Each structure stands twice: as structure tokens, then as C-alpha cells.
PDB file of N, CA and C in Angstrom:
ATOM      1  N   MET A   1      -3.854 -29.032  -8.428  1.00  0.00           N
ATOM      2  CA  MET A   1      -2.504 -28.870  -8.947  1.00  0.00           C
ATOM      3  C   MET A   1      -1.559 -28.564  -7.782  1.00  0.00           C
ATOM      4  N   LYS A   2      -0.376 -29.100  -7.871  1.00  0.00           N
ATOM      5  CA  LYS A   2       0.620 -28.885  -6.825  1.00  0.00           C
ATOM      6  C   LYS A   2       1.114 -27.437  -6.876  1.00  0.00           C
ATOM      7  N   PRO A   3       1.428 -26.857  -5.707  1.00  0.00           N
ATOM      8  CA  PRO A   3       1.843 -25.446  -5.656  1.00  0.00           C
ATOM      9  C   PRO A   3       3.021 -25.095  -6.567  1.00  0.00           C
ATOM     10  N   LEU A   4       4.047 -25.922  -6.613  1.00  0.00           N
ATOM     11  CA  LEU A   4       5.203 -25.581  -7.440  1.00  0.00           C
ATOM     12  C   LEU A   4       4.874 -25.650  -8.928  1.00  0.00           C
ATOM     13  N   SER A   5       4.008 -26.582  -9.316  1.00  0.00           N
ATOM     14  CA  SER A   5       3.560 -26.645 -10.713  1.00  0.00           C
ATOM     15  C   SER A   5       2.722 -25.419 -11.050  1.00  0.00           C
ATOM     16  N   LEU A   6       1.876 -25.019 -10.112  1.00  0.00           N
ATOM     17  CA  LEU A   6       1.056 -23.830 -10.317  1.00  0.00           C
ATOM     18  C   LEU A   6       1.924 -22.593 -10.432  1.00  0.00           C
ATOM     19  N   SER A   7       2.910 -22.485  -9.570  1.00  0.00           N
ATOM     20  CA  SER A   7       3.832 -21.351  -9.615  1.00  0.00           C
ATOM     21  C   SER A   7       4.517 -21.273 -10.978  1.00  0.00           C
ATOM     22  N   LYS A   8       4.917 -22.409 -11.502  1.00  0.00           N
ATOM     23  CA  LYS A   8       5.565 -22.454 -12.819  1.00  0.00           C
ATOM     24  C   LYS A   8       4.610 -21.987 -13.914  1.00  0.00           C
ATOM     25  N   GLU A   9       3.352 -22.432 -13.851  1.00  0.00           N
ATOM     26  CA  GLU A   9       2.366 -22.024 -14.851  1.00  0.00           C
ATOM     27  C   GLU A   9       2.106 -20.515 -14.793  1.00  0.00           C
ATOM     28  N   ILE A  10       2.087 -19.964 -13.585  1.00  0.00           N
ATOM     29  CA  ILE A  10       1.897 -18.517 -13.440  1.00  0.00           C
ATOM     30  C   ILE A  10       3.060 -17.790 -14.098  1.00  0.00           C
ATOM     31  N   LYS A  11       4.282 -18.210 -13.774  1.00  0.00           N
ATOM     32  CA  LYS A  11       5.477 -17.569 -14.320  1.00  0.00           C
ATOM     33  C   LYS A  11       5.529 -17.649 -15.838  1.00  0.00           C
ATOM     34  N   GLU A  12       5.035 -18.746 -16.390  1.00  0.00           N
ATOM     35  CA  GLU A  12       5.063 -18.949 -17.835  1.00  0.00           C
ATOM     36  C   GLU A  12       3.912 -18.253 -18.547  1.00  0.00           C
ATOM     37  N   GLY A  13       3.060 -17.565 -17.790  1.00  0.00           N
ATOM     38  CA  GLY A  13       1.954 -16.816 -18.390  1.00  0.00           C
ATOM     39  C   GLY A  13       0.810 -17.672 -18.891  1.00  0.00           C
ATOM     40  N   LYS A  14       0.640 -18.845 -18.309  1.00  0.00           N
ATOM     41  CA  LYS A  14      -0.403 -19.765 -18.765  1.00  0.00           C
ATOM     42  C   LYS A  14      -1.762 -19.505 -18.119  1.00  0.00           C
ATOM     43  N   LEU A  15      -1.815 -18.609 -17.127  1.00  0.00           N
ATOM     44  CA  LEU A  15      -3.070 -18.311 -16.444  1.00  0.00           C
ATOM     45  C   LEU A  15      -3.596 -16.957 -16.893  1.00  0.00           C
ATOM     46  N   ASN A  16      -4.920 -16.846 -16.958  1.00  0.00           N
ATOM     47  CA  ASN A  16      -5.501 -15.549 -17.293  1.00  0.00           C
ATOM     48  C   ASN A  16      -5.517 -14.664 -16.046  1.00  0.00           C
ATOM     49  N   ASP A  17      -5.876 -13.414 -16.230  1.00  0.00           N
ATOM     50  CA  ASP A  17      -5.822 -12.449 -15.131  1.00  0.00           C
ATOM     51  C   ASP A  17      -6.663 -12.879 -13.936  1.00  0.00           C
ATOM     52  N   LEU A  18      -7.867 -13.376 -14.180  1.00  0.00           N
ATOM     53  CA  LEU A  18      -8.739 -13.803 -13.082  1.00  0.00           C
ATOM     54  C   LEU A  18      -8.117 -14.966 -12.310  1.00  0.00           C
ATOM     55  N   GLU A  19      -7.529 -15.908 -13.016  1.00  0.00           N
ATOM     56  CA  GLU A  19      -6.888 -17.048 -12.358  1.00  0.00           C
ATOM     57  C   GLU A  19      -5.688 -16.595 -11.522  1.00  0.00           C
ATOM     58  N   ILE A  20      -4.946 -15.619 -12.033  1.00  0.00           N
ATOM     59  CA  ILE A  20      -3.805 -15.092 -11.276  1.00  0.00           C
ATOM     60  C   ILE A  20      -4.289 -14.452  -9.978  1.00  0.00           C
ATOM     61  N   ILE A  21      -5.340 -13.669 -10.075  1.00  0.00           N
ATOM     62  CA  ILE A  21      -5.899 -13.013  -8.886  1.00  0.00           C
ATOM     63  C   ILE A  21      -6.374 -14.064  -7.876  1.00  0.00           C
ATOM     64  N   GLN A  22      -6.990 -15.128  -8.356  1.00  0.00           N
ATOM     65  CA  GLN A  22      -7.461 -16.198  -7.472  1.00  0.00           C
ATOM     66  C   GLN A  22      -6.296 -16.885  -6.759  1.00  0.00           C
ATOM     67  N   CYS A  23      -5.122 -16.889  -7.383  1.00  0.00           N
ATOM     68  CA  CYS A  23      -3.940 -17.503  -6.762  1.00  0.00           C
ATOM     69  C   CYS A  23      -3.487 -16.752  -5.511  1.00  0.00           C
ATOM     70  N   LEU A  24      -3.939 -15.513  -5.347  1.00  0.00           N
ATOM     71  CA  LEU A  24      -3.598 -14.760  -4.140  1.00  0.00           C
ATOM     72  C   LEU A  24      -4.253 -15.355  -2.896  1.00  0.00           C
ATOM     73  N   ASP A  25      -5.179 -16.286  -3.089  1.00  0.00           N
ATOM     74  CA  ASP A  25      -5.839 -16.957  -1.961  1.00  0.00           C
ATOM     75  C   ASP A  25      -5.117 -18.234  -1.538  1.00  0.00           C
ATOM     76  N   ILE A  26      -4.077 -18.607  -2.274  1.00  0.00           N
ATOM     77  CA  ILE A  26      -3.348 -19.841  -1.975  1.00  0.00           C
ATOM     78  C   ILE A  26      -2.160 -19.485  -1.079  1.00  0.00           C
ATOM     79  N   HIS A  27      -2.164 -19.990   0.118  1.00  0.00           N
ATOM     80  CA  HIS A  27      -1.129 -19.635   1.092  1.00  0.00           C
ATOM     81  C   HIS A  27       0.119 -20.499   0.916  1.00  0.00           C
ATOM     82  N   HIS A  28       0.781 -20.279  -0.195  1.00  0.00           N
ATOM     83  CA  HIS A  28       2.053 -20.932  -0.492  1.00  0.00           C
ATOM     84  C   HIS A  28       2.956 -19.830  -1.051  1.00  0.00           C
ATOM     85  N   ASN A  29       4.086 -19.604  -0.402  1.00  0.00           N
ATOM     86  CA  ASN A  29       4.928 -18.459  -0.754  1.00  0.00           C
ATOM     87  C   ASN A  29       5.308 -18.398  -2.223  1.00  0.00           C
ATOM     88  N   GLN A  30       5.677 -19.521  -2.832  1.00  0.00           N
ATOM     89  CA  GLN A  30       6.080 -19.495  -4.246  1.00  0.00           C
ATOM     90  C   GLN A  30       4.920 -19.123  -5.152  1.00  0.00           C
ATOM     91  N   VAL A  31       3.732 -19.633  -4.852  1.00  0.00           N
ATOM     92  CA  VAL A  31       2.542 -19.288  -5.634  1.00  0.00           C
ATOM     93  C   VAL A  31       2.250 -17.803  -5.478  1.00  0.00           C
ATOM     94  N   LEU A  32       2.304 -17.314  -4.247  1.00  0.00           N
ATOM     95  CA  LEU A  32       2.026 -15.903  -3.993  1.00  0.00           C
ATOM     96  C   LEU A  32       3.032 -14.989  -4.689  1.00  0.00           C
ATOM     97  N   VAL A  33       4.311 -15.315  -4.617  1.00  0.00           N
ATOM     98  CA  VAL A  33       5.330 -14.499  -5.272  1.00  0.00           C
ATOM     99  C   VAL A  33       5.098 -14.477  -6.775  1.00  0.00           C
ATOM    100  N   SER A  34       4.813 -15.627  -7.348  1.00  0.00           N
ATOM    101  CA  SER A  34       4.579 -15.700  -8.791  1.00  0.00           C
ATOM    102  C   SER A  34       3.352 -14.883  -9.191  1.00  0.00           C
ATOM    103  N   ALA A  35       2.272 -15.020  -8.422  1.00  0.00           N
ATOM    104  CA  ALA A  35       1.051 -14.278  -8.731  1.00  0.00           C
ATOM    105  C   ALA A  35       1.268 -12.773  -8.575  1.00  0.00           C
ATOM    106  N   ILE A  36       1.910 -12.375  -7.500  1.00  0.00           N
ATOM    107  CA  ILE A  36       2.169 -10.948  -7.277  1.00  0.00           C
ATOM    108  C   ILE A  36       3.073 -10.402  -8.376  1.00  0.00           C
ATOM    109  N   SER A  37       4.070 -11.155  -8.771  1.00  0.00           N
ATOM    110  CA  SER A  37       4.969 -10.710  -9.848  1.00  0.00           C
ATOM    111  C   SER A  37       4.209 -10.489 -11.149  1.00  0.00           C
ATOM    112  N   GLN A  38       3.290 -11.395 -11.460  1.00  0.00           N
ATOM    113  CA  GLN A  38       2.487 -11.233 -12.682  1.00  0.00           C
ATOM    114  C   GLN A  38       1.554 -10.026 -12.570  1.00  0.00           C
ATOM    115  N   ILE A  39       0.975  -9.828 -11.415  1.00  0.00           N
ATOM    116  CA  ILE A  39       0.087  -8.681 -11.201  1.00  0.00           C
ATOM    117  C   ILE A  39       0.858  -7.385 -11.385  1.00  0.00           C
ATOM    118  N   VAL A  40       2.063  -7.331 -10.832  1.00  0.00           N
ATOM    119  CA  VAL A  40       2.897  -6.136 -10.958  1.00  0.00           C
ATOM    120  C   VAL A  40       3.299  -5.921 -12.410  1.00  0.00           C
ATOM    121  N   SER A  41       3.733  -6.976 -13.079  1.00  0.00           N
ATOM    122  CA  SER A  41       4.198  -6.805 -14.462  1.00  0.00           C
ATOM    123  C   SER A  41       3.062  -6.407 -15.396  1.00  0.00           C
ATOM    124  N   LYS A  42       1.850  -6.877 -15.101  1.00  0.00           N
ATOM    125  CA  LYS A  42       0.691  -6.526 -15.927  1.00  0.00           C
ATOM    126  C   LYS A  42      -0.002  -5.256 -15.433  1.00  0.00           C
ATOM    127  N   LYS A  43       0.479  -4.725 -14.297  1.00  0.00           N
ATOM    128  CA  LYS A  43      -0.130  -3.543 -13.678  1.00  0.00           C
ATOM    129  C   LYS A  43      -1.630  -3.743 -13.434  1.00  0.00           C
ATOM    130  N   LEU A  44      -1.992  -4.942 -12.999  1.00  0.00           N
ATOM    131  CA  LEU A  44      -3.389  -5.233 -12.683  1.00  0.00           C
ATOM    132  C   LEU A  44      -3.741  -4.547 -11.369  1.00  0.00           C
ATOM    133  N   CYS A  45      -4.901  -3.956 -11.321  1.00  0.00           N
ATOM    134  CA  CYS A  45      -5.318  -3.315 -10.070  1.00  0.00           C
ATOM    135  C   CYS A  45      -6.825  -3.147 -10.038  1.00  0.00           C
ATOM    136  N   ASN A  46      -7.415  -3.620  -8.963  1.00  0.00           N
ATOM    137  CA  ASN A  46      -8.820  -3.376  -8.661  1.00  0.00           C
ATOM    138  C   ASN A  46      -8.980  -3.535  -7.155  1.00  0.00           C
ATOM    139  N   GLU A  47     -10.186  -3.332  -6.663  1.00  0.00           N
ATOM    140  CA  GLU A  47     -10.425  -3.410  -5.212  1.00  0.00           C
ATOM    141  C   GLU A  47     -10.057  -4.774  -4.644  1.00  0.00           C
ATOM    142  N   GLU A  48     -10.376  -5.827  -5.386  1.00  0.00           N
ATOM    143  CA  GLU A  48     -10.097  -7.179  -4.907  1.00  0.00           C
ATOM    144  C   GLU A  48      -8.594  -7.412  -4.759  1.00  0.00           C
ATOM    145  N   ILE A  49      -7.815  -6.977  -5.743  1.00  0.00           N
ATOM    146  CA  ILE A  49      -6.361  -7.143  -5.678  1.00  0.00           C
ATOM    147  C   ILE A  49      -5.793  -6.359  -4.506  1.00  0.00           C
ATOM    148  N   ILE A  50      -6.214  -5.118  -4.355  1.00  0.00           N
ATOM    149  CA  ILE A  50      -5.721  -4.291  -3.248  1.00  0.00           C
ATOM    150  C   ILE A  50      -6.067  -4.936  -1.910  1.00  0.00           C
ATOM    151  N   SER A  51      -7.278  -5.436  -1.795  1.00  0.00           N
ATOM    152  CA  SER A  51      -7.709  -6.082  -0.562  1.00  0.00           C
ATOM    153  C   SER A  51      -6.882  -7.331  -0.267  1.00  0.00           C
ATOM    154  N   LYS A  52      -6.648  -8.151  -1.290  1.00  0.00           N
ATOM    155  CA  LYS A  52      -5.886  -9.384  -1.083  1.00  0.00           C
ATOM    156  C   LYS A  52      -4.423  -9.077  -0.763  1.00  0.00           C
ATOM    157  N   LEU A  53      -3.831  -8.110  -1.453  1.00  0.00           N
ATOM    158  CA  LEU A  53      -2.444  -7.739  -1.151  1.00  0.00           C
ATOM    159  C   LEU A  53      -2.339  -7.166   0.261  1.00  0.00           C
ATOM    160  N   SER A  54      -3.340  -6.412   0.673  1.00  0.00           N
ATOM    161  CA  SER A  54      -3.363  -5.868   2.023  1.00  0.00           C
ATOM    162  C   SER A  54      -3.420  -6.993   3.058  1.00  0.00           C
ATOM    163  N   CYS A  55      -4.230  -7.993   2.793  1.00  0.00           N
ATOM    164  CA  CYS A  55      -4.325  -9.152   3.692  1.00  0.00           C
ATOM    165  C   CYS A  55      -2.984  -9.896   3.750  1.00  0.00           C
ATOM    166  N   ILE A  56      -2.371 -10.105   2.598  1.00  0.00           N
ATOM    167  CA  ILE A  56      -1.082 -10.801   2.538  1.00  0.00           C
ATOM    168  C   ILE A  56      -0.002 -10.007   3.260  1.00  0.00           C
ATOM    169  N   SER A  57      -0.159  -8.692   3.313  1.00  0.00           N
ATOM    170  CA  SER A  57       0.855  -7.841   3.952  1.00  0.00           C
ATOM    171  C   SER A  57       1.061  -8.183   5.424  1.00  0.00           C
ATOM    172  N   THR A  58       0.097  -8.841   6.034  1.00  0.00           N
ATOM    173  CA  THR A  58       0.226  -9.205   7.451  1.00  0.00           C
ATOM    174  C   THR A  58       1.106 -10.441   7.637  1.00  0.00           C
ATOM    175  N   PHE A  59       1.463 -11.113   6.546  1.00  0.00           N
ATOM    176  CA  PHE A  59       2.280 -12.327   6.622  1.00  0.00           C
ATOM    177  C   PHE A  59       3.754 -11.938   6.677  1.00  0.00           C
ATOM    178  N   ARG A  60       4.184 -11.432   7.837  1.00  0.00           N
ATOM    179  CA  ARG A  60       5.563 -10.966   7.956  1.00  0.00           C
ATOM    180  C   ARG A  60       6.362 -11.742   9.001  1.00  0.00           C
ATOM    181  N   ASP A  61       5.872 -12.894   9.389  1.00  0.00           N
ATOM    182  CA  ASP A  61       6.619 -13.718  10.338  1.00  0.00           C
ATOM    183  C   ASP A  61       7.771 -14.383   9.582  1.00  0.00           C
ATOM    184  N   PRO A  62       9.019 -14.004   9.886  1.00  0.00           N
ATOM    185  CA  PRO A  62      10.155 -14.541   9.127  1.00  0.00           C
ATOM    186  C   PRO A  62      10.358 -16.045   9.296  1.00  0.00           C
ATOM    187  N   ASN A  63       9.743 -16.638  10.307  1.00  0.00           N
ATOM    188  CA  ASN A  63       9.869 -18.078  10.498  1.00  0.00           C
ATOM    189  C   ASN A  63       8.907 -18.868   9.622  1.00  0.00           C
ATOM    190  N   VAL A  64       7.843 -18.206   9.157  1.00  0.00           N
ATOM    191  CA  VAL A  64       6.813 -18.879   8.370  1.00  0.00           C
ATOM    192  C   VAL A  64       6.763 -18.350   6.943  1.00  0.00           C
ATOM    193  N   ASN A  65       6.904 -17.054   6.774  1.00  0.00           N
ATOM    194  CA  ASN A  65       6.662 -16.410   5.496  1.00  0.00           C
ATOM    195  C   ASN A  65       7.930 -15.888   4.825  1.00  0.00           C
ATOM    196  N   LYS A  66       9.050 -16.486   5.155  1.00  0.00           N
ATOM    197  CA  LYS A  66      10.337 -16.049   4.628  1.00  0.00           C
ATOM    198  C   LYS A  66      10.442 -16.353   3.137  1.00  0.00           C
ATOM    199  N   LEU A  67      10.955 -15.382   2.389  1.00  0.00           N
ATOM    200  CA  LEU A  67      11.222 -15.579   0.963  1.00  0.00           C
ATOM    201  C   LEU A  67      12.714 -15.704   0.720  1.00  0.00           C
ATOM    202  N   PHE A  68      13.413 -14.590   0.934  1.00  0.00           N
ATOM    203  CA  PHE A  68      14.845 -14.531   0.694  1.00  0.00           C
ATOM    204  C   PHE A  68      15.468 -13.764   1.853  1.00  0.00           C
ATOM    205  N   GLY A  69      16.372 -14.368   2.589  1.00  0.00           N
ATOM    206  CA  GLY A  69      16.994 -13.671   3.709  1.00  0.00           C
ATOM    207  C   GLY A  69      15.958 -13.200   4.702  1.00  0.00           C
ATOM    208  N   ILE A  70      15.838 -11.886   4.839  1.00  0.00           N
ATOM    209  CA  ILE A  70      14.893 -11.306   5.799  1.00  0.00           C
ATOM    210  C   ILE A  70      13.577 -10.889   5.149  1.00  0.00           C
ATOM    211  N   ASP A  71      13.487 -11.027   3.836  1.00  0.00           N
ATOM    212  CA  ASP A  71      12.278 -10.634   3.111  1.00  0.00           C
ATOM    213  C   ASP A  71      11.164 -11.655   3.326  1.00  0.00           C
ATOM    214  N   THR A  72       9.949 -11.148   3.520  1.00  0.00           N
ATOM    215  CA  THR A  72       8.787 -12.016   3.671  1.00  0.00           C
ATOM    216  C   THR A  72       7.775 -11.709   2.582  1.00  0.00           C
ATOM    217  N   ILE A  73       6.810 -12.587   2.434  1.00  0.00           N
ATOM    218  CA  ILE A  73       5.747 -12.373   1.448  1.00  0.00           C
ATOM    219  C   ILE A  73       4.943 -11.120   1.808  1.00  0.00           C
ATOM    220  N   GLY A  74       4.851 -10.799   3.092  1.00  0.00           N
ATOM    221  CA  GLY A  74       4.161  -9.577   3.514  1.00  0.00           C
ATOM    222  C   GLY A  74       4.859  -8.328   3.004  1.00  0.00           C
ATOM    223  N   HIS A  75       6.189  -8.304   3.119  1.00  0.00           N
ATOM    224  CA  HIS A  75       6.960  -7.173   2.591  1.00  0.00           C
ATOM    225  C   HIS A  75       6.752  -7.057   1.081  1.00  0.00           C
ATOM    226  N   TYR A  76       6.791  -8.193   0.404  1.00  0.00           N
ATOM    227  CA  TYR A  76       6.672  -8.242  -1.054  1.00  0.00           C
ATOM    228  C   TYR A  76       5.315  -7.693  -1.507  1.00  0.00           C
ATOM    229  N   SER A  77       4.258  -8.034  -0.776  1.00  0.00           N
ATOM    230  CA  SER A  77       2.919  -7.575  -1.162  1.00  0.00           C
ATOM    231  C   SER A  77       2.765  -6.064  -0.976  1.00  0.00           C
ATOM    232  N   ILE A  78       3.350  -5.516   0.069  1.00  0.00           N
ATOM    233  CA  ILE A  78       3.280  -4.066   0.284  1.00  0.00           C
ATOM    234  C   ILE A  78       4.042  -3.347  -0.825  1.00  0.00           C
ATOM    235  N   ALA A  79       5.229  -3.853  -1.162  1.00  0.00           N
ATOM    236  CA  ALA A  79       6.012  -3.255  -2.239  1.00  0.00           C
ATOM    237  C   ALA A  79       5.230  -3.289  -3.552  1.00  0.00           C
ATOM    238  N   ALA A  80       4.516  -4.372  -3.790  1.00  0.00           N
ATOM    239  CA  ALA A  80       3.734  -4.500  -5.024  1.00  0.00           C
ATOM    240  C   ALA A  80       2.685  -3.397  -5.135  1.00  0.00           C
ATOM    241  N   LEU A  81       2.075  -3.043  -4.018  1.00  0.00           N
ATOM    242  CA  LEU A  81       1.060  -1.978  -4.038  1.00  0.00           C
ATOM    243  C   LEU A  81       1.648  -0.666  -4.545  1.00  0.00           C
ATOM    244  N   LEU A  82       2.874  -0.372  -4.173  1.00  0.00           N
ATOM    245  CA  LEU A  82       3.530   0.849  -4.650  1.00  0.00           C
ATOM    246  C   LEU A  82       3.855   0.749  -6.134  1.00  0.00           C
ATOM    247  N   VAL A  83       4.430  -0.367  -6.526  1.00  0.00           N
ATOM    248  CA  VAL A  83       4.909  -0.518  -7.901  1.00  0.00           C
ATOM    249  C   VAL A  83       3.761  -0.579  -8.902  1.00  0.00           C
ATOM    250  N   ILE A  84       2.612  -1.096  -8.507  1.00  0.00           N
ATOM    251  CA  ILE A  84       1.457  -1.121  -9.407  1.00  0.00           C
ATOM    252  C   ILE A  84       1.145   0.302  -9.863  1.00  0.00           C
ATOM    253  N   GLY A  85       1.282   1.249  -8.955  1.00  0.00           N
ATOM    254  CA  GLY A  85       1.197   2.660  -9.323  1.00  0.00           C
ATOM    255  C   GLY A  85      -0.189   3.247  -9.498  1.00  0.00           C
ATOM    256  N   ASN A  86      -1.210   2.504  -9.163  1.00  0.00           N
ATOM    257  CA  ASN A  86      -2.585   2.997  -9.220  1.00  0.00           C
ATOM    258  C   ASN A  86      -2.830   3.883  -7.993  1.00  0.00           C
ATOM    259  N   PRO A  87      -3.582   4.984  -8.120  1.00  0.00           N
ATOM    260  CA  PRO A  87      -3.810   5.855  -6.942  1.00  0.00           C
ATOM    261  C   PRO A  87      -4.343   5.102  -5.714  1.00  0.00           C
ATOM    262  N   GLU A  88      -5.260   4.164  -5.927  1.00  0.00           N
ATOM    263  CA  GLU A  88      -5.813   3.413  -4.798  1.00  0.00           C
ATOM    264  C   GLU A  88      -4.761   2.493  -4.181  1.00  0.00           C
ATOM    265  N   SER A  89      -3.937   1.857  -5.027  1.00  0.00           N
ATOM    266  CA  SER A  89      -2.914   0.959  -4.477  1.00  0.00           C
ATOM    267  C   SER A  89      -1.848   1.759  -3.735  1.00  0.00           C
ATOM    268  N   ILE A  90      -1.531   2.939  -4.228  1.00  0.00           N
ATOM    269  CA  ILE A  90      -0.549   3.790  -3.547  1.00  0.00           C
ATOM    270  C   ILE A  90      -1.092   4.263  -2.202  1.00  0.00           C
ATOM    271  N   ASN A  91      -2.372   4.598  -2.148  1.00  0.00           N
ATOM    272  CA  ASN A  91      -2.985   4.984  -0.867  1.00  0.00           C
ATOM    273  C   ASN A  91      -2.896   3.851   0.147  1.00  0.00           C
ATOM    274  N   LYS A  92      -3.177   2.620  -0.305  1.00  0.00           N
ATOM    275  CA  LYS A  92      -3.101   1.466   0.600  1.00  0.00           C
ATOM    276  C   LYS A  92      -1.651   1.222   1.021  1.00  0.00           C
ATOM    277  N   TYR A  93      -0.711   1.386   0.088  1.00  0.00           N
ATOM    278  CA  TYR A  93       0.719   1.253   0.398  1.00  0.00           C
ATOM    279  C   TYR A  93       1.098   2.227   1.515  1.00  0.00           C
ATOM    280  N   GLU A  94       0.715   3.493   1.368  1.00  0.00           N
ATOM    281  CA  GLU A  94       1.055   4.508   2.368  1.00  0.00           C
ATOM    282  C   GLU A  94       0.421   4.190   3.718  1.00  0.00           C
ATOM    283  N   GLU A  95      -0.800   3.702   3.695  1.00  0.00           N
ATOM    284  CA  GLU A  95      -1.494   3.330   4.928  1.00  0.00           C
ATOM    285  C   GLU A  95      -0.763   2.184   5.637  1.00  0.00           C
ATOM    286  N   LEU A  96      -0.370   1.169   4.883  1.00  0.00           N
ATOM    287  CA  LEU A  96       0.329   0.027   5.471  1.00  0.00           C
ATOM    288  C   LEU A  96       1.724   0.409   5.950  1.00  0.00           C
ATOM    289  N   MET A  97       2.414   1.235   5.189  1.00  0.00           N
ATOM    290  CA  MET A  97       3.769   1.660   5.574  1.00  0.00           C
ATOM    291  C   MET A  97       3.749   2.460   6.871  1.00  0.00           C
ATOM    292  N   ALA A  98       2.698   3.219   7.100  1.00  0.00           N
ATOM    293  CA  ALA A  98       2.598   4.028   8.317  1.00  0.00           C
ATOM    294  C   ALA A  98       2.599   3.162   9.573  1.00  0.00           C
ATOM    295  N   ASP A  99       2.171   1.904   9.436  1.00  0.00           N
ATOM    296  CA  ASP A  99       2.100   1.002  10.585  1.00  0.00           C
ATOM    297  C   ASP A  99       3.374   0.183  10.802  1.00  0.00           C
ATOM    298  N   LEU A 100       4.353   0.317   9.905  1.00  0.00           N
ATOM    299  CA  LEU A 100       5.579  -0.479  10.000  1.00  0.00           C
ATOM    300  C   LEU A 100       6.664   0.259  10.773  1.00  0.00           C
ATOM    301  N   ASP A 101       7.566  -0.518  11.366  1.00  0.00           N
ATOM    302  CA  ASP A 101       8.738   0.099  11.986  1.00  0.00           C
ATOM    303  C   ASP A 101       9.762   0.395  10.890  1.00  0.00           C
ATOM    304  N   ASP A 102      10.799   1.124  11.237  1.00  0.00           N
ATOM    305  CA  ASP A 102      11.797   1.551  10.251  1.00  0.00           C
ATOM    306  C   ASP A 102      12.466   0.358   9.561  1.00  0.00           C
ATOM    307  N   TRP A 103      12.713  -0.707  10.294  1.00  0.00           N
ATOM    308  CA  TRP A 103      13.338  -1.905   9.734  1.00  0.00           C
ATOM    309  C   TRP A 103      12.496  -2.472   8.585  1.00  0.00           C
ATOM    310  N   ASP A 104      11.192  -2.678   8.853  1.00  0.00           N
ATOM    311  CA  ASP A 104      10.301  -3.223   7.835  1.00  0.00           C
ATOM    312  C   ASP A 104      10.129  -2.252   6.661  1.00  0.00           C
ATOM    313  N   LYS A 105      10.078  -0.965   6.956  1.00  0.00           N
ATOM    314  CA  LYS A 105       9.961   0.028   5.876  1.00  0.00           C
ATOM    315  C   LYS A 105      11.149  -0.059   4.918  1.00  0.00           C
ATOM    316  N   GLU A 106      12.346  -0.203   5.469  1.00  0.00           N
ATOM    317  CA  GLU A 106      13.537  -0.318   4.624  1.00  0.00           C
ATOM    318  C   GLU A 106      13.467  -1.555   3.735  1.00  0.00           C
ATOM    319  N   ILE A 107      13.000  -2.653   4.286  1.00  0.00           N
ATOM    320  CA  ILE A 107      12.874  -3.883   3.510  1.00  0.00           C
ATOM    321  C   ILE A 107      11.896  -3.682   2.351  1.00  0.00           C
ATOM    322  N   VAL A 108      10.732  -3.118   2.653  1.00  0.00           N
ATOM    323  CA  VAL A 108       9.706  -2.891   1.625  1.00  0.00           C
ATOM    324  C   VAL A 108      10.242  -1.956   0.537  1.00  0.00           C
ATOM    325  N   GLU A 109      10.899  -0.883   0.938  1.00  0.00           N
ATOM    326  CA  GLU A 109      11.419   0.083  -0.044  1.00  0.00           C
ATOM    327  C   GLU A 109      12.459  -0.578  -0.951  1.00  0.00           C
ATOM    328  N   ARG A 110      13.306  -1.420  -0.383  1.00  0.00           N
ATOM    329  CA  ARG A 110      14.322  -2.112  -1.181  1.00  0.00           C
ATOM    330  C   ARG A 110      13.672  -3.058  -2.182  1.00  0.00           C
ATOM    331  N   ILE A 111      12.663  -3.783  -1.735  1.00  0.00           N
ATOM    332  CA  ILE A 111      11.961  -4.717  -2.619  1.00  0.00           C
ATOM    333  C   ILE A 111      11.270  -3.938  -3.748  1.00  0.00           C
ATOM    334  N   ALA A 112      10.629  -2.822  -3.409  1.00  0.00           N
ATOM    335  CA  ALA A 112       9.931  -2.015  -4.413  1.00  0.00           C
ATOM    336  C   ALA A 112      10.902  -1.504  -5.471  1.00  0.00           C
ATOM    337  N   GLU A 113      12.094  -1.100  -5.056  1.00  0.00           N
ATOM    338  CA  GLU A 113      13.104  -0.644  -6.018  1.00  0.00           C
ATOM    339  C   GLU A 113      13.472  -1.767  -6.975  1.00  0.00           C
ATOM    340  N   GLY A 114      13.578  -2.970  -6.465  1.00  0.00           N
ATOM    341  CA  GLY A 114      13.918  -4.111  -7.307  1.00  0.00           C
ATOM    342  C   GLY A 114      12.798  -4.506  -8.257  1.00  0.00           C
ATOM    343  N   MET A 115      11.559  -4.241  -7.849  1.00  0.00           N
ATOM    344  CA  MET A 115      10.414  -4.567  -8.699  1.00  0.00           C
ATOM    345  C   MET A 115      10.241  -3.558  -9.828  1.00  0.00           C
ATOM    346  N   GLY A 116      10.568  -2.305  -9.527  1.00  0.00           N
ATOM    347  CA  GLY A 116      10.288  -1.217 -10.459  1.00  0.00           C
ATOM    348  C   GLY A 116      11.115  -1.195 -11.649  1.00  0.00           C
TER     349      GLY A 116
END
């Protein structure tokens, strides 16, 4: 399936939870945003999700992973860890935030506010 069609199916709620989680392995920004948005809205959380969001958090190159303006899929994934609100996801959020500079922290915090 083409990435944009898949992104649409995710947004429309046509995928089950396992399929949404599997979409976190597809390196296409629209698919990732759609999957992360569904995970956040459903408050899905387990070790696999935390691990995949943590991996995606490294995708912060604005030339490759740009979403909107200065926001990247990496920023979006870190914000998702906070908004999910599970103790383990919050621990991973705090760990990842500790490694960011103030600029990136502000971006993540702004995105998290918009998600919440």
C-alpha cells in the first residue's frame, strides 16, 4: 500500500492496534505522524511502542524529517511519550529530554501541549 493511502487508513481508524504499532517501522513522515497520533489518542503503551518512539526520536534532521516549520518527527515522537502518560513512557520522555538542547526542548514541549 502506498504511504499516503496508509496514512489515510490510519487516520480513519481502519487499522487495529497491532497494525498501527507496526506502522511505526515505516519511515515515511505522514505514516509516522498518523500512527503516533492514533497511539496517543488511544493511549496505547507497551515496551515495543516506547522502544519504537525512542528510536524515532533520533529523526530530528530538519532537512529530512521536517513536519511543519521547525518541527520534526523526532520532536513529535518525544512529545507523544509524555502525552501517553504511562509511567514508563514518561520516564523515557524525561531521559530523552535530558539529552536535548533548550531549542529542541521548547519544540517538544510546544508539540506536547498541542497533543494534550
